[in-house]
Amino acid sequence: MKSSIAESLASLKCLNPEPIERGRSTEMRSGNLQKVLVANRGEIARRFFFLLKEEGIPSVAVVTDVDREQSWFEFADQVIYIGASRNYADSSTIIAAALLSGANAIYPGYGFLSEDFRFVEALEDASRQQRSLHECEAGPEA
């Protein structure tokens, strides 16, 4: 059963009580890509983390229980644990991980969510909800 983004976010906060950061500066960079969440694993993800590091773009790895002892995410600047391996293919979990980490972009890699057209729809919906939330927090215009 798929969970909502809010449920997934609450679950991820329990799994990640303290963010695992790896020494990258938190200052904003120019351009649209501020931080990229890589929603994949293994060699594909490792190569993309290395590329992001070369370009100076902060990155986030999503890592499952079975991957915790692996080295493919060694170049990631932040690690979010997402629990079971099936969560790589759960759009709510991946979107919640992006929200939790502050990532403003998601690289789906190959397989998993890259093959699910509903992932794009879920991202668009989450983006609209975030904009609405920020507009409500800003209050009425003067």
Protein backbone atom coordinates (compact mmCIF):
# COMPACT_ATOMS: atom_id res chain seq x y z
CA MET A 1 0.00 0.00 0.00
CA LYS A 2 1.38 3.37 -0.99
CA SER A 3 1.73 5.97 1.73
CA SER A 4 1.14 9.68 1.50
CA ILE A 5 4.05 12.09 1.37
CA ALA A 6 3.17 13.35 4.87
CA GLU A 7 3.22 9.79 6.27
CA SER A 8 6.50 9.07 4.51
CA LEU A 9 8.02 12.31 5.82
CA ALA A 10 7.05 11.41 9.40
CA SER A 11 8.55 7.94 8.95
CA LEU A 12 11.80 9.32 7.50
CA LYS A 13 12.13 11.79 10.37
CA CYS A 14 12.05 8.81 12.75
CA LEU A 15 14.64 6.91 10.68
CA ASN A 16 16.86 10.02 10.40
CA PRO A 17 16.79 11.83 13.78
CA GLU A 18 20.03 13.63 12.93
CA PRO A 19 20.94 14.40 9.31
CA ILE A 20 24.15 12.78 8.09
CA GLU A 21 26.10 15.61 6.47
CA ARG A 22 29.57 15.17 5.06
CA GLY A 23 31.29 18.52 5.39
CA ARG A 24 29.99 20.47 2.39
CA SER A 25 29.40 24.21 2.77
CA THR A 26 25.75 25.14 3.20
CA GLU A 27 25.99 28.44 1.33
CA MET A 28 23.66 28.86 -1.63
CA ARG A 29 25.19 28.37 -5.04
CA SER A 30 24.16 30.20 -8.18
CA GLY A 31 21.95 28.47 -10.70
CA ASN A 32 18.84 26.33 -10.45
CA LEU A 33 20.42 23.22 -8.95
CA GLN A 34 20.96 23.87 -5.25
CA LYS A 35 20.95 20.26 -4.04
CA VAL A 36 20.19 17.05 -5.96
CA LEU A 37 18.70 13.89 -4.46
CA VAL A 38 19.88 10.78 -6.30
CA ALA A 39 17.02 8.26 -6.21
CA ASN A 40 19.08 5.29 -7.29
CA ARG A 41 21.80 2.99 -5.98
CA GLY A 42 24.96 1.21 -6.99
CA GLU A 43 27.38 2.20 -9.74
CA ILE A 44 24.87 4.47 -11.51
CA ALA A 45 24.42 6.52 -8.35
CA ARG A 46 28.15 6.53 -7.51
CA ARG A 47 29.05 7.99 -10.89
CA PHE A 48 26.37 10.67 -10.59
CA PHE A 49 27.54 11.63 -7.06
CA PHE A 50 31.08 11.97 -8.39
CA LEU A 51 29.86 14.19 -11.24
CA LEU A 52 27.85 16.38 -8.85
CA LYS A 53 30.87 16.74 -6.56
CA GLU A 54 33.07 17.78 -9.53
CA GLU A 55 30.47 20.41 -10.47
CA GLY A 56 30.20 21.68 -6.89
CA ILE A 57 26.54 20.68 -6.57
CA PRO A 58 25.54 19.27 -3.16
CA SER A 59 24.00 15.79 -3.31
CA VAL A 60 21.78 13.53 -1.24
CA ALA A 61 21.83 9.72 -1.23
CA VAL A 62 18.78 7.68 -0.31
CA VAL A 63 19.99 4.46 1.26
CA THR A 64 18.08 1.36 2.34
CA ASP A 65 18.79 -1.05 5.16
CA VAL A 66 20.62 -3.51 2.89
CA ASP A 67 22.82 -0.75 1.43
CA ARG A 68 24.03 0.84 4.68
CA GLU A 69 27.42 -0.90 4.57
CA GLN A 70 28.00 -0.26 0.84
CA SER A 71 30.42 2.35 -0.53
CA TRP A 72 28.51 3.55 -3.62
CA PHE A 73 27.30 6.67 -1.79
CA GLU A 74 30.75 7.73 -0.53
CA PHE A 75 30.71 10.92 -2.65
CA ALA A 76 27.25 12.02 -1.43
CA ASP A 77 27.14 15.08 0.81
CA GLN A 78 24.10 13.91 2.75
CA VAL A 79 22.54 10.51 3.43
CA ILE A 80 18.86 9.83 4.11
CA TYR A 81 17.93 6.31 5.24
CA ILE A 82 14.65 5.19 3.68
CA GLY A 83 14.20 1.76 5.29
CA ALA A 84 13.22 -1.19 3.09
CA SER A 85 14.57 -1.69 -0.45
CA ARG A 86 11.06 -1.40 -1.93
CA ASN A 87 11.14 2.31 -1.02
CA TYR A 88 13.43 3.06 -3.97
CA ALA A 89 10.29 2.61 -6.10
CA ASP A 90 7.91 4.47 -3.76
CA SER A 91 7.37 8.02 -5.03
CA SER A 92 6.01 9.27 -1.68
CA THR A 93 9.15 8.10 0.13
CA ILE A 94 11.51 9.65 -2.42
CA ILE A 95 9.62 12.96 -2.48
CA ALA A 96 9.57 12.99 1.34
CA ALA A 97 13.34 12.38 1.34
CA ALA A 98 13.81 15.35 -0.99
CA LEU A 99 11.70 17.54 1.31
CA LEU A 100 13.55 16.34 4.41
CA SER A 101 16.96 16.98 2.86
CA GLY A 102 16.11 20.31 1.23
CA ALA A 103 16.92 19.00 -2.25
CA ASN A 104 15.37 20.99 -5.08
CA ALA A 105 15.98 18.37 -7.78
CA ILE A 106 15.74 14.58 -8.07
CA TYR A 107 17.81 12.40 -10.38
CA PRO A 108 15.91 9.10 -10.79
CA GLY A 109 18.72 7.22 -12.54
CA TYR A 110 17.64 3.98 -14.24
CA GLY A 111 14.82 1.62 -13.31
CA PHE A 112 12.83 2.27 -10.15
CA LEU A 113 10.99 5.60 -10.48
CA SER A 114 12.53 6.58 -13.81
CA GLU A 115 10.14 4.09 -15.43
CA ASP A 116 7.01 5.30 -13.61
CA PHE A 117 5.15 8.17 -15.30
CA ARG A 118 3.15 8.67 -12.10
CA PHE A 119 6.33 9.84 -10.37
CA VAL A 120 6.35 13.01 -12.48
CA GLU A 121 2.70 13.61 -11.64
CA ALA A 122 3.43 13.10 -7.93
CA LEU A 123 6.35 15.57 -8.13
CA GLU A 124 4.19 18.17 -9.84
CA ASP A 125 1.47 17.74 -7.21
CA ALA A 126 3.98 17.99 -4.35
CA SER A 127 5.50 21.11 -5.92
CA ARG A 128 2.08 22.77 -6.14
CA GLN A 129 1.39 21.89 -2.51
CA GLN A 130 4.74 23.34 -1.42
CA ARG A 131 4.09 26.59 -3.29
CA SER A 132 0.65 26.87 -1.67
CA LEU A 133 2.15 26.24 1.75
CA HIS A 134 4.81 28.94 1.25
CA GLU A 135 2.19 31.40 0.01
CA CYS A 136 0.08 30.76 3.13
CA GLU A 137 3.12 31.20 5.40
CA ALA A 138 3.99 34.50 3.71
CA GLY A 139 0.55 35.89 4.52
CA PRO A 140 -1.50 38.38 2.51
CA GLU A 141 0.32 40.86 0.33
CA ALA A 142 0.33 44.47 1.49
